[in-house]
Every structure is written in C-alpha cells, then in structure tokens.
Amino acid sequence: MKKLLGIVVLGLLLITPSQADDIRDFEIEGMTIGDSLLDYVSEEEITKKKYYFPKSKKFAYFEKKISSFKAYESFRVHFKDDDKKYIIKSLEGVISYKNNIEDCYKKMDEIVEELSSIFKDAYKNETKTRIHPADKSGKSKFTDAQFILQSGDGVRVVCYDWGAKTKVLDTLNVDMSTKEIIYFLDNEAY
C-alpha cells in the first residue's frame, strides 16, 4: 500500500515512516512518481498548459489549481517533453502565502522536522537561502531543505519569496523528484 505524502493543517505530512526509501511509495494528493499525468488530466489540457525552462526543453512542466485538494491549492509535475505517456518524474504540492513569507518559513520548519524523523537514512542538505535564477533582478529568493535518498531521488521543502516586480505569489512547495529531474533542474534548466 502506498504511503501518503500530503500536507495536513497541523503536521503537514501524513506518512507511515517504515521503509522510507523509495520515492514512488509516497503520494501527494493521490499522485506519485511514475504515474501517467493522463490519469489525472486530459492530453489536450496538458498540451495547452505545458511550460518549459529557459535553457532546455528536455523536460516540460504542467501545473493546475485543484479546489478539491485537501491540503494543497495546486500541483506541478515535470515530465520528459517527448514522452507521450507523460510519466511523472517530479511532483509538487503548492500552497500560496500572499504577503506572508514568515508563515511559509514556519510551516517549512515543521515539515522539515517531520521529514527528518521519516528519512533517517537520507542525506539532508542544510537549509539555505539563495537567489532564484529565474528572476534576473536578483530580488527573488528561495529557501529549501532537501533529503536525498539512497537511490538518488529526493524530497524537498521550499519557500519561494518572489520579488515584488515579478507579481508571482510566494509559495510553499513540497516536492518529490527522481534523480534525473534533480540533475536537470540543478544543471540544465536555467
């Protein structure tokens, strides 16, 4: 039975901590790595709302707001652009924090603490804040903590603090990604 990776009001994560070593064992709002995005949305919707990264079209992403979600406001998935099955390589649950980045940081700390107890054997990167490469003004930043599993796949919690001129809402993202998409985002996307 798949373990549930989802945000709840207090603890933010509902996970059974046994055997926390395969990223595909976890779900965000019923979806998981390796699923086909076609199980959740139509191909027509995907192709209309497919986005790319500034430096590469190797992977595309799709995002959608879902009012029926229990914990998140929206989700984002990454998939190979040439994959007609739209196999999910990365999955994020997103919550907005309009003009309230400090609450985002508090919630992030809670999630990181809970993940630390679940991923005891994972390598945990230090939580750090960096300038976001997508905002050339240098005014947008992100703070993240990442857990790298023995497989190389990862789970990350991040608060995005976007500069005022970007007109993008600050968000808390909880994501799980294959090692392939982690490498792409770190080295090829921006």
N, C-alpha and C. Protein backbone atom coordinates (compact mmCIF):
# COMPACT_ATOMS: atom_id res chain seq x y z
N MET A 1 0.84 -1.18 0.00
CA MET A 1 0.00 0.00 0.00
C MET A 1 0.88 1.24 0.00
N LYS A 2 0.53 2.20 -0.80
CA LYS A 2 1.36 3.40 -0.90
C LYS A 2 1.22 4.24 0.36
N LYS A 3 2.32 4.86 0.73
CA LYS A 3 2.32 5.76 1.86
C LYS A 3 1.85 7.11 1.38
N LEU A 4 1.28 7.90 2.23
CA LEU A 4 0.70 9.17 1.85
C LEU A 4 1.62 10.31 2.23
N LEU A 5 2.03 11.09 1.23
CA LEU A 5 2.81 12.29 1.48
C LEU A 5 1.89 13.45 1.17
N GLY A 6 1.34 14.07 2.17
CA GLY A 6 0.39 15.15 1.96
C GLY A 6 0.43 16.11 3.10
N ILE A 7 0.02 17.31 2.86
CA ILE A 7 0.02 18.32 3.90
C ILE A 7 -1.31 18.28 4.62
N VAL A 8 -1.27 18.32 5.94
CA VAL A 8 -2.46 18.46 6.76
C VAL A 8 -2.28 19.72 7.58
N VAL A 9 -3.33 20.21 8.16
CA VAL A 9 -3.28 21.51 8.81
C VAL A 9 -2.21 21.59 9.90
N LEU A 10 -2.08 20.61 10.75
CA LEU A 10 -1.12 20.72 11.84
C LEU A 10 0.25 20.16 11.50
N GLY A 11 0.34 18.91 11.20
CA GLY A 11 1.64 18.29 10.99
C GLY A 11 2.15 18.37 9.58
N LEU A 12 1.31 18.70 8.62
CA LEU A 12 1.63 18.85 7.22
C LEU A 12 1.98 17.57 6.50
N LEU A 13 2.33 16.54 7.18
CA LEU A 13 2.67 15.30 6.48
C LEU A 13 2.00 14.13 7.15
N LEU A 14 1.41 13.28 6.35
CA LEU A 14 0.87 12.02 6.84
C LEU A 14 1.64 10.91 6.15
N ILE A 15 2.64 10.38 6.82
CA ILE A 15 3.47 9.35 6.23
C ILE A 15 3.66 8.25 7.26
N THR A 16 3.59 7.03 6.80
CA THR A 16 3.97 5.92 7.65
C THR A 16 5.47 5.75 7.47
N PRO A 17 6.28 5.93 8.52
CA PRO A 17 7.71 6.04 8.36
C PRO A 17 8.47 4.74 8.10
N SER A 18 7.81 3.62 7.94
CA SER A 18 8.53 2.39 7.68
C SER A 18 8.99 2.33 6.22
N GLN A 19 10.20 1.86 6.00
CA GLN A 19 10.73 1.65 4.65
C GLN A 19 10.69 2.92 3.80
N ALA A 20 11.09 4.05 4.35
CA ALA A 20 11.06 5.32 3.61
C ALA A 20 12.27 5.41 2.70
N ASP A 21 12.30 4.56 1.65
CA ASP A 21 13.47 4.53 0.80
C ASP A 21 13.15 4.57 -0.69
N ASP A 22 11.91 4.47 -1.08
CA ASP A 22 11.54 4.51 -2.49
C ASP A 22 10.56 5.66 -2.69
N ILE A 23 10.95 6.62 -3.48
CA ILE A 23 10.15 7.82 -3.69
C ILE A 23 8.76 7.49 -4.24
N ARG A 24 8.64 6.39 -4.96
CA ARG A 24 7.35 6.01 -5.53
C ARG A 24 6.37 5.48 -4.49
N ASP A 25 6.84 5.28 -3.25
CA ASP A 25 5.97 4.83 -2.18
C ASP A 25 5.16 5.97 -1.57
N PHE A 26 5.45 7.19 -1.99
CA PHE A 26 4.81 8.35 -1.40
C PHE A 26 3.88 9.02 -2.39
N GLU A 27 2.84 9.65 -1.87
CA GLU A 27 1.85 10.31 -2.70
C GLU A 27 1.65 11.75 -2.25
N ILE A 28 1.28 12.57 -3.19
CA ILE A 28 0.80 13.92 -2.91
C ILE A 28 -0.58 13.99 -3.56
N GLU A 29 -1.60 14.12 -2.74
CA GLU A 29 -2.99 14.21 -3.19
C GLU A 29 -3.34 13.06 -4.15
N GLY A 30 -2.85 11.84 -3.86
CA GLY A 30 -3.20 10.67 -4.63
C GLY A 30 -2.30 10.39 -5.83
N MET A 31 -1.40 11.30 -6.16
CA MET A 31 -0.49 11.12 -7.30
C MET A 31 0.88 10.72 -6.79
N THR A 32 1.66 10.06 -7.64
CA THR A 32 3.02 9.70 -7.26
C THR A 32 3.94 9.66 -8.48
N ILE A 33 5.22 9.62 -8.22
CA ILE A 33 6.23 9.49 -9.26
C ILE A 33 5.97 8.18 -10.02
N GLY A 34 6.08 8.22 -11.33
CA GLY A 34 5.87 7.03 -12.15
C GLY A 34 4.45 6.90 -12.69
N ASP A 35 3.50 7.65 -12.12
CA ASP A 35 2.14 7.67 -12.67
C ASP A 35 2.15 8.41 -13.99
N SER A 36 1.14 8.18 -14.80
CA SER A 36 0.93 8.98 -16.01
C SER A 36 0.07 10.17 -15.65
N LEU A 37 0.49 11.35 -16.06
CA LEU A 37 -0.31 12.55 -15.83
C LEU A 37 -1.68 12.42 -16.50
N LEU A 38 -1.76 11.58 -17.53
CA LEU A 38 -3.03 11.35 -18.24
C LEU A 38 -4.09 10.71 -17.34
N ASP A 39 -3.66 10.11 -16.23
CA ASP A 39 -4.63 9.55 -15.28
C ASP A 39 -5.37 10.65 -14.51
N TYR A 40 -4.89 11.89 -14.61
CA TYR A 40 -5.45 12.98 -13.81
C TYR A 40 -6.00 14.14 -14.64
N VAL A 41 -5.43 14.35 -15.83
CA VAL A 41 -5.90 15.43 -16.71
C VAL A 41 -5.81 14.95 -18.16
N SER A 42 -6.51 15.62 -19.04
CA SER A 42 -6.53 15.22 -20.45
C SER A 42 -5.26 15.67 -21.17
N GLU A 43 -4.94 14.98 -22.25
CA GLU A 43 -3.78 15.37 -23.06
C GLU A 43 -3.97 16.77 -23.64
N GLU A 44 -5.19 17.10 -24.00
CA GLU A 44 -5.48 18.43 -24.54
C GLU A 44 -5.13 19.51 -23.50
N GLU A 45 -5.51 19.28 -22.26
CA GLU A 45 -5.20 20.26 -21.21
C GLU A 45 -3.69 20.35 -20.98
N ILE A 46 -3.02 19.22 -21.01
CA ILE A 46 -1.56 19.22 -20.82
C ILE A 46 -0.89 20.03 -21.91
N THR A 47 -1.24 19.77 -23.15
CA THR A 47 -0.55 20.47 -24.25
C THR A 47 -0.85 21.96 -24.27
N LYS A 48 -2.02 22.36 -23.79
CA LYS A 48 -2.36 23.79 -23.72
C LYS A 48 -1.62 24.51 -22.60
N LYS A 49 -1.29 23.78 -21.52
CA LYS A 49 -0.70 24.42 -20.33
C LYS A 49 0.67 23.86 -20.00
N LYS A 50 1.38 23.43 -21.01
CA LYS A 50 2.72 22.87 -20.83
C LYS A 50 3.73 24.02 -20.89
N TYR A 51 4.66 24.04 -19.94
CA TYR A 51 5.66 25.10 -19.87
C TYR A 51 7.06 24.50 -19.97
N TYR A 52 8.01 25.36 -20.34
CA TYR A 52 9.40 24.93 -20.48
C TYR A 52 10.31 25.81 -19.63
N PHE A 53 11.53 25.35 -19.48
CA PHE A 53 12.55 26.09 -18.74
C PHE A 53 13.35 26.96 -19.70
N PRO A 54 13.98 28.01 -19.18
CA PRO A 54 14.67 28.96 -20.06
C PRO A 54 15.77 28.36 -20.95
N LYS A 55 16.50 27.38 -20.46
CA LYS A 55 17.65 26.88 -21.22
C LYS A 55 17.48 25.50 -21.83
N SER A 56 16.36 24.84 -21.60
CA SER A 56 16.21 23.49 -22.15
C SER A 56 14.74 23.10 -22.25
N LYS A 57 14.45 22.34 -23.29
CA LYS A 57 13.11 21.78 -23.45
C LYS A 57 13.12 20.27 -23.26
N LYS A 58 14.16 19.77 -22.63
CA LYS A 58 14.26 18.33 -22.36
C LYS A 58 13.08 17.87 -21.49
N PHE A 59 12.78 18.67 -20.47
CA PHE A 59 11.63 18.40 -19.60
C PHE A 59 10.65 19.56 -19.71
N ALA A 60 9.38 19.25 -19.57
CA ALA A 60 8.34 20.26 -19.51
C ALA A 60 7.66 20.13 -18.16
N TYR A 61 6.87 21.13 -17.83
CA TYR A 61 6.08 21.03 -16.60
C TYR A 61 4.67 21.51 -16.84
N PHE A 62 3.81 21.03 -15.98
CA PHE A 62 2.39 21.33 -16.04
C PHE A 62 1.94 21.64 -14.63
N GLU A 63 1.12 22.66 -14.48
CA GLU A 63 0.60 22.97 -13.15
C GLU A 63 -0.88 23.29 -13.24
N LYS A 64 -1.56 22.98 -12.13
CA LYS A 64 -3.01 23.18 -12.13
C LYS A 64 -3.50 23.41 -10.71
N LYS A 65 -4.42 24.35 -10.60
CA LYS A 65 -5.11 24.56 -9.33
C LYS A 65 -6.23 23.54 -9.23
N ILE A 66 -6.41 22.98 -8.04
CA ILE A 66 -7.45 21.98 -7.82
C ILE A 66 -8.19 22.33 -6.53
N SER A 67 -9.43 22.73 -6.64
CA SER A 67 -10.19 23.14 -5.45
C SER A 67 -10.55 21.95 -4.57
N SER A 68 -10.55 20.76 -5.11
CA SER A 68 -10.94 19.58 -4.32
C SER A 68 -9.79 19.00 -3.50
N PHE A 69 -8.58 19.52 -3.67
CA PHE A 69 -7.46 19.03 -2.88
C PHE A 69 -7.69 19.32 -1.41
N LYS A 70 -7.24 18.43 -0.57
CA LYS A 70 -7.41 18.60 0.87
C LYS A 70 -6.33 19.49 1.47
N ALA A 71 -5.12 19.37 0.98
CA ALA A 71 -4.01 20.05 1.63
C ALA A 71 -3.36 21.12 0.78
N TYR A 72 -3.36 20.95 -0.50
CA TYR A 72 -2.68 21.87 -1.40
C TYR A 72 -3.68 22.66 -2.23
N GLU A 73 -3.22 23.79 -2.75
CA GLU A 73 -4.03 24.60 -3.65
C GLU A 73 -3.84 24.18 -5.10
N SER A 74 -2.65 23.68 -5.38
CA SER A 74 -2.34 23.29 -6.75
C SER A 74 -1.23 22.25 -6.74
N PHE A 75 -0.97 21.72 -7.94
CA PHE A 75 0.13 20.78 -8.08
C PHE A 75 0.92 21.14 -9.33
N ARG A 76 2.15 20.69 -9.37
CA ARG A 76 3.02 20.84 -10.55
C ARG A 76 3.71 19.52 -10.76
N VAL A 77 3.81 19.10 -12.01
CA VAL A 77 4.54 17.89 -12.35
C VAL A 77 5.53 18.20 -13.46
N HIS A 78 6.62 17.45 -13.47
CA HIS A 78 7.60 17.52 -14.55
C HIS A 78 7.59 16.18 -15.28
N PHE A 79 7.77 16.24 -16.58
CA PHE A 79 7.82 15.03 -17.40
C PHE A 79 8.72 15.32 -18.60
N LYS A 80 9.24 14.26 -19.22
CA LYS A 80 10.05 14.44 -20.41
C LYS A 80 9.16 14.97 -21.52
N ASP A 81 9.66 15.95 -22.25
CA ASP A 81 8.84 16.59 -23.27
C ASP A 81 8.44 15.63 -24.39
N ASP A 82 9.27 14.65 -24.69
CA ASP A 82 8.97 13.72 -25.78
C ASP A 82 8.22 12.47 -25.32
N ASP A 83 7.80 12.43 -24.06
CA ASP A 83 7.11 11.27 -23.51
C ASP A 83 5.60 11.40 -23.73
N LYS A 84 5.07 10.61 -24.62
CA LYS A 84 3.63 10.67 -24.93
C LYS A 84 2.76 10.08 -23.83
N LYS A 85 3.36 9.38 -22.87
CA LYS A 85 2.60 8.86 -21.73
C LYS A 85 2.60 9.86 -20.56
N TYR A 86 3.44 10.90 -20.65
CA TYR A 86 3.53 11.93 -19.62
C TYR A 86 3.79 11.33 -18.24
N ILE A 87 4.81 10.49 -18.17
CA ILE A 87 5.17 9.86 -16.90
C ILE A 87 5.74 10.92 -15.95
N ILE A 88 5.20 10.98 -14.76
CA ILE A 88 5.59 11.98 -13.78
C ILE A 88 6.98 11.67 -13.23
N LYS A 89 7.91 12.62 -13.39
CA LYS A 89 9.28 12.50 -12.89
C LYS A 89 9.49 13.33 -11.63
N SER A 90 8.63 14.32 -11.44
CA SER A 90 8.67 15.16 -10.25
C SER A 90 7.26 15.64 -9.97
N LEU A 91 6.92 15.73 -8.69
CA LEU A 91 5.57 16.09 -8.28
C LEU A 91 5.66 17.05 -7.11
N GLU A 92 4.95 18.17 -7.22
CA GLU A 92 4.96 19.18 -6.16
C GLU A 92 3.53 19.52 -5.74
N GLY A 93 3.34 19.66 -4.44
CA GLY A 93 2.13 20.25 -3.90
C GLY A 93 2.47 21.67 -3.52
N VAL A 94 1.56 22.62 -3.79
CA VAL A 94 1.85 24.04 -3.63
C VAL A 94 0.77 24.72 -2.78
N ILE A 95 1.24 25.57 -1.85
CA ILE A 95 0.35 26.42 -1.05
C ILE A 95 0.86 27.85 -1.16
N SER A 96 -0.05 28.79 -1.41
CA SER A 96 0.32 30.20 -1.55
C SER A 96 0.41 30.89 -0.19
N TYR A 97 1.32 31.85 -0.12
CA TYR A 97 1.48 32.69 1.07
C TYR A 97 1.57 34.14 0.61
N LYS A 98 0.44 34.72 0.26
CA LYS A 98 0.41 36.09 -0.23
C LYS A 98 0.80 37.06 0.90
N ASN A 99 1.88 37.78 0.69
CA ASN A 99 2.38 38.77 1.65
C ASN A 99 2.58 38.20 3.06
N ASN A 100 3.00 36.93 3.14
CA ASN A 100 3.12 36.30 4.44
C ASN A 100 4.23 35.24 4.43
N ILE A 101 5.42 35.63 3.98
CA ILE A 101 6.51 34.67 3.83
C ILE A 101 6.96 34.09 5.17
N GLU A 102 6.80 34.82 6.25
CA GLU A 102 7.23 34.31 7.57
C GLU A 102 6.42 33.08 7.97
N ASP A 103 5.12 33.06 7.66
CA ASP A 103 4.32 31.86 7.94
C ASP A 103 4.78 30.68 7.08
N CYS A 104 5.21 30.98 5.87
CA CYS A 104 5.75 29.94 5.00
C CYS A 104 6.98 29.31 5.65
N TYR A 105 7.87 30.14 6.17
CA TYR A 105 9.09 29.62 6.81
C TYR A 105 8.76 28.78 8.06
N LYS A 106 7.78 29.21 8.82
CA LYS A 106 7.37 28.44 10.00
C LYS A 106 6.85 27.06 9.59
N LYS A 107 5.99 27.03 8.57
CA LYS A 107 5.43 25.76 8.11
C LYS A 107 6.52 24.88 7.52
N MET A 108 7.46 25.49 6.83
CA MET A 108 8.58 24.75 6.26
C MET A 108 9.37 24.06 7.36
N ASP A 109 9.65 24.77 8.43
CA ASP A 109 10.39 24.19 9.56
C ASP A 109 9.68 22.98 10.14
N GLU A 110 8.34 23.07 10.26
CA GLU A 110 7.56 21.94 10.78
C GLU A 110 7.69 20.72 9.87
N ILE A 111 7.59 20.96 8.57
CA ILE A 111 7.66 19.85 7.61
C ILE A 111 9.06 19.23 7.63
N VAL A 112 10.09 20.05 7.65
CA VAL A 112 11.47 19.56 7.66
C VAL A 112 11.71 18.70 8.90
N GLU A 113 11.21 19.14 10.03
CA GLU A 113 11.36 18.36 11.27
C GLU A 113 10.70 16.99 11.13
N GLU A 114 9.50 16.97 10.56
CA GLU A 114 8.80 15.70 10.39
C GLU A 114 9.52 14.81 9.38
N LEU A 115 9.99 15.38 8.28
CA LEU A 115 10.71 14.59 7.28
C LEU A 115 12.02 14.04 7.85
N SER A 116 12.65 14.78 8.74
CA SER A 116 13.89 14.31 9.35
C SER A 116 13.67 13.03 10.15
N SER A 117 12.49 12.91 10.75
CA SER A 117 12.20 11.69 11.50
C SER A 117 11.82 10.53 10.58
N ILE A 118 11.36 10.84 9.38
CA ILE A 118 10.97 9.80 8.42
C ILE A 118 12.16 9.31 7.61
N PHE A 119 12.98 10.24 7.14
CA PHE A 119 14.11 9.90 6.28
C PHE A 119 15.41 9.88 7.08
N LYS A 120 15.48 9.03 8.07
CA LYS A 120 16.64 8.97 8.95
C LYS A 120 17.92 8.56 8.23
N ASP A 121 17.81 7.76 7.18
CA ASP A 121 18.99 7.30 6.44
C ASP A 121 19.32 8.18 5.24
N ALA A 122 18.50 9.17 4.97
CA ALA A 122 18.73 10.05 3.82
C ALA A 122 19.78 11.11 4.16
N TYR A 123 20.44 11.59 3.12
CA TYR A 123 21.34 12.73 3.29
C TYR A 123 20.49 13.98 3.26
N LYS A 124 20.63 14.85 4.27
CA LYS A 124 19.86 16.08 4.32
C LYS A 124 20.78 17.26 4.07
N ASN A 125 20.47 18.02 3.03
CA ASN A 125 21.20 19.26 2.78
C ASN A 125 20.84 20.26 3.86
N GLU A 126 21.78 21.12 4.19
CA GLU A 126 21.48 22.20 5.12
C GLU A 126 20.44 23.13 4.50
N THR A 127 19.52 23.61 5.32
CA THR A 127 18.56 24.59 4.84
C THR A 127 19.31 25.87 4.52
N LYS A 128 19.09 26.38 3.31
CA LYS A 128 19.80 27.60 2.92
C LYS A 128 18.94 28.43 1.99
N THR A 129 19.27 29.71 1.92
CA THR A 129 18.56 30.67 1.09
C THR A 129 19.47 31.11 -0.05
N ARG A 130 18.88 31.13 -1.27
CA ARG A 130 19.64 31.52 -2.46
C ARG A 130 18.78 32.42 -3.34
N ILE A 131 19.45 33.14 -4.23
CA ILE A 131 18.76 33.96 -5.23
C ILE A 131 18.17 33.02 -6.28
N HIS A 132 16.94 33.29 -6.70
CA HIS A 132 16.30 32.43 -7.72
C HIS A 132 16.80 32.84 -9.10
N PRO A 133 17.33 31.87 -9.87
CA PRO A 133 17.89 32.20 -11.18
C PRO A 133 16.88 32.66 -12.22
N ALA A 134 15.60 32.43 -12.00
CA ALA A 134 14.59 32.84 -12.97
C ALA A 134 14.31 34.34 -12.92
N ASP A 135 14.68 35.00 -11.82
CA ASP A 135 14.45 36.44 -11.68
C ASP A 135 15.78 37.16 -11.86
N LYS A 136 15.97 37.74 -13.02
CA LYS A 136 17.25 38.39 -13.35
C LYS A 136 17.51 39.64 -12.50
N SER A 137 16.51 40.16 -11.80
CA SER A 137 16.71 41.33 -10.94
C SER A 137 17.46 40.96 -9.66
N GLY A 138 17.46 39.67 -9.32
CA GLY A 138 18.12 39.24 -8.09
C GLY A 138 17.30 39.48 -6.83
N LYS A 139 16.07 39.90 -6.97
CA LYS A 139 15.22 40.23 -5.82
C LYS A 139 14.40 39.04 -5.32
N SER A 140 14.36 37.98 -6.07
CA SER A 140 13.60 36.79 -5.66
C SER A 140 14.56 35.76 -5.09
N LYS A 141 14.10 35.08 -4.05
CA LYS A 141 14.96 34.08 -3.42
C LYS A 141 14.13 32.87 -3.03
N PHE A 142 14.84 31.81 -2.71
CA PHE A 142 14.15 30.62 -2.24
C PHE A 142 14.98 30.00 -1.12
N THR A 143 14.29 29.41 -0.17
CA THR A 143 14.91 28.75 0.97
C THR A 143 14.43 27.30 0.92
N ASP A 144 15.40 26.37 0.94
CA ASP A 144 14.99 24.98 0.81
C ASP A 144 15.81 24.05 1.69
N ALA A 145 15.21 22.90 1.93
CA ALA A 145 15.87 21.77 2.59
C ALA A 145 15.55 20.56 1.73
N GLN A 146 16.57 19.74 1.49
CA GLN A 146 16.39 18.60 0.60
C GLN A 146 16.90 17.34 1.26
N PHE A 147 16.15 16.28 1.07
CA PHE A 147 16.52 14.95 1.56
C PHE A 147 16.82 14.09 0.34
N ILE A 148 18.05 13.59 0.25
CA ILE A 148 18.44 12.73 -0.86
C ILE A 148 18.44 11.29 -0.35
N LEU A 149 17.62 10.45 -0.99
CA LEU A 149 17.52 9.05 -0.61
C LEU A 149 18.68 8.27 -1.22
N GLN A 150 18.88 7.06 -0.74
CA GLN A 150 19.98 6.24 -1.25
C GLN A 150 19.88 6.01 -2.75
N SER A 151 18.71 6.04 -3.32
CA SER A 151 18.52 5.87 -4.76
C SER A 151 18.98 7.09 -5.55
N GLY A 152 19.15 8.23 -4.87
CA GLY A 152 19.47 9.48 -5.55
C GLY A 152 18.25 10.35 -5.77
N ASP A 153 17.06 9.78 -5.58
CA ASP A 153 15.83 10.56 -5.66
C ASP A 153 15.74 11.46 -4.43
N GLY A 154 14.87 12.45 -4.46
CA GLY A 154 14.83 13.37 -3.34
C GLY A 154 13.45 13.90 -3.01
N VAL A 155 13.36 14.41 -1.80
CA VAL A 155 12.18 15.12 -1.31
C VAL A 155 12.67 16.48 -0.84
N ARG A 156 11.97 17.52 -1.25
CA ARG A 156 12.42 18.87 -0.93
C ARG A 156 11.25 19.71 -0.43
N VAL A 157 11.55 20.58 0.51
CA VAL A 157 10.59 21.56 1.01
C VAL A 157 11.21 22.92 0.73
N VAL A 158 10.43 23.80 0.11
CA VAL A 158 10.99 25.10 -0.28
C VAL A 158 9.97 26.21 -0.14
N CYS A 159 10.44 27.35 0.36
CA CYS A 159 9.64 28.58 0.35
C CYS A 159 10.22 29.49 -0.71
N TYR A 160 9.36 29.92 -1.63
CA TYR A 160 9.75 30.87 -2.68
C TYR A 160 9.28 32.25 -2.27
N ASP A 161 10.23 33.17 -2.16
CA ASP A 161 9.96 34.56 -1.80
C ASP A 161 10.26 35.40 -3.04
N TRP A 162 9.22 35.65 -3.84
CA TRP A 162 9.39 36.32 -5.12
C TRP A 162 9.45 37.83 -4.95
N GLY A 163 10.29 38.48 -5.72
CA GLY A 163 10.40 39.94 -5.72
C GLY A 163 9.08 40.57 -6.15
N ALA A 164 8.80 41.77 -5.64
CA ALA A 164 7.52 42.44 -5.89
C ALA A 164 7.25 42.66 -7.38
N LYS A 165 8.28 42.95 -8.15
CA LYS A 165 8.08 43.23 -9.58
C LYS A 165 7.71 41.99 -10.39
N THR A 166 7.95 40.81 -9.86
CA THR A 166 7.60 39.60 -10.60
C THR A 166 6.10 39.34 -10.61
N LYS A 167 5.41 39.87 -9.63
CA LYS A 167 3.97 39.67 -9.46
C LYS A 167 3.61 38.19 -9.32
N VAL A 168 4.54 37.40 -8.78
CA VAL A 168 4.32 35.98 -8.53
C VAL A 168 4.10 35.81 -7.03
N LEU A 169 3.10 35.02 -6.66
CA LEU A 169 2.82 34.79 -5.24
C LEU A 169 3.92 33.96 -4.59
N ASP A 170 4.24 34.27 -3.34
CA ASP A 170 5.15 33.44 -2.55
C ASP A 170 4.45 32.12 -2.29
N THR A 171 5.21 31.03 -2.29
CA THR A 171 4.61 29.72 -2.08
C THR A 171 5.48 28.82 -1.23
N LEU A 172 4.83 27.84 -0.65
CA LEU A 172 5.48 26.71 -0.01
C LEU A 172 5.26 25.53 -0.95
N ASN A 173 6.35 24.86 -1.32
CA ASN A 173 6.26 23.69 -2.20
C ASN A 173 6.86 22.49 -1.48
N VAL A 174 6.16 21.38 -1.54
CA VAL A 174 6.70 20.11 -1.08
C VAL A 174 6.79 19.26 -2.33
N ASP A 175 8.01 18.85 -2.66
CA ASP A 175 8.14 18.08 -3.89
C ASP A 175 8.97 16.83 -3.71
N MET A 176 8.69 15.90 -4.57
CA MET A 176 9.48 14.68 -4.64
C MET A 176 9.89 14.51 -6.10
N SER A 177 11.15 14.14 -6.29
CA SER A 177 11.71 14.13 -7.64
C SER A 177 12.66 12.96 -7.83
N THR A 178 12.70 12.47 -9.07
CA THR A 178 13.69 11.46 -9.41
C THR A 178 15.05 12.13 -9.51
N LYS A 179 16.11 11.35 -9.42
CA LYS A 179 17.45 11.92 -9.52
C LYS A 179 17.68 12.55 -10.88
N GLU A 180 17.01 12.04 -11.91
CA GLU A 180 17.15 12.59 -13.26
C GLU A 180 16.65 14.03 -13.33
N ILE A 181 15.50 14.31 -12.74
CA ILE A 181 14.97 15.68 -12.80
C ILE A 181 15.72 16.59 -11.85
N ILE A 182 16.22 16.07 -10.74
CA ILE A 182 17.04 16.88 -9.82
C ILE A 182 18.27 17.38 -10.56
N TYR A 183 18.94 16.49 -11.28
CA TYR A 183 20.13 16.88 -12.05
C TYR A 183 19.76 17.94 -13.09
N PHE A 184 18.67 17.71 -13.81
CA PHE A 184 18.24 18.66 -14.85
C PHE A 184 18.00 20.04 -14.25
N LEU A 185 17.25 20.13 -13.17
CA LEU A 185 16.92 21.43 -12.57
C LEU A 185 18.16 22.13 -12.05
N ASP A 186 19.10 21.38 -11.49
CA ASP A 186 20.31 21.97 -10.95
C ASP A 186 21.33 22.37 -12.01
N ASN A 187 21.33 21.71 -13.17
CA ASN A 187 22.41 21.91 -14.13
C ASN A 187 22.02 22.33 -15.54
N GLU A 188 20.78 22.14 -15.93
CA GLU A 188 20.42 22.39 -17.32
C GLU A 188 19.25 23.36 -17.53
N ALA A 189 18.38 23.52 -16.56
CA ALA A 189 17.12 24.24 -16.77
C ALA A 189 17.28 25.75 -16.87
N TYR A 190 18.19 26.33 -16.07
CA TYR A 190 18.27 27.80 -16.00
C TYR A 190 19.58 28.33 -16.55
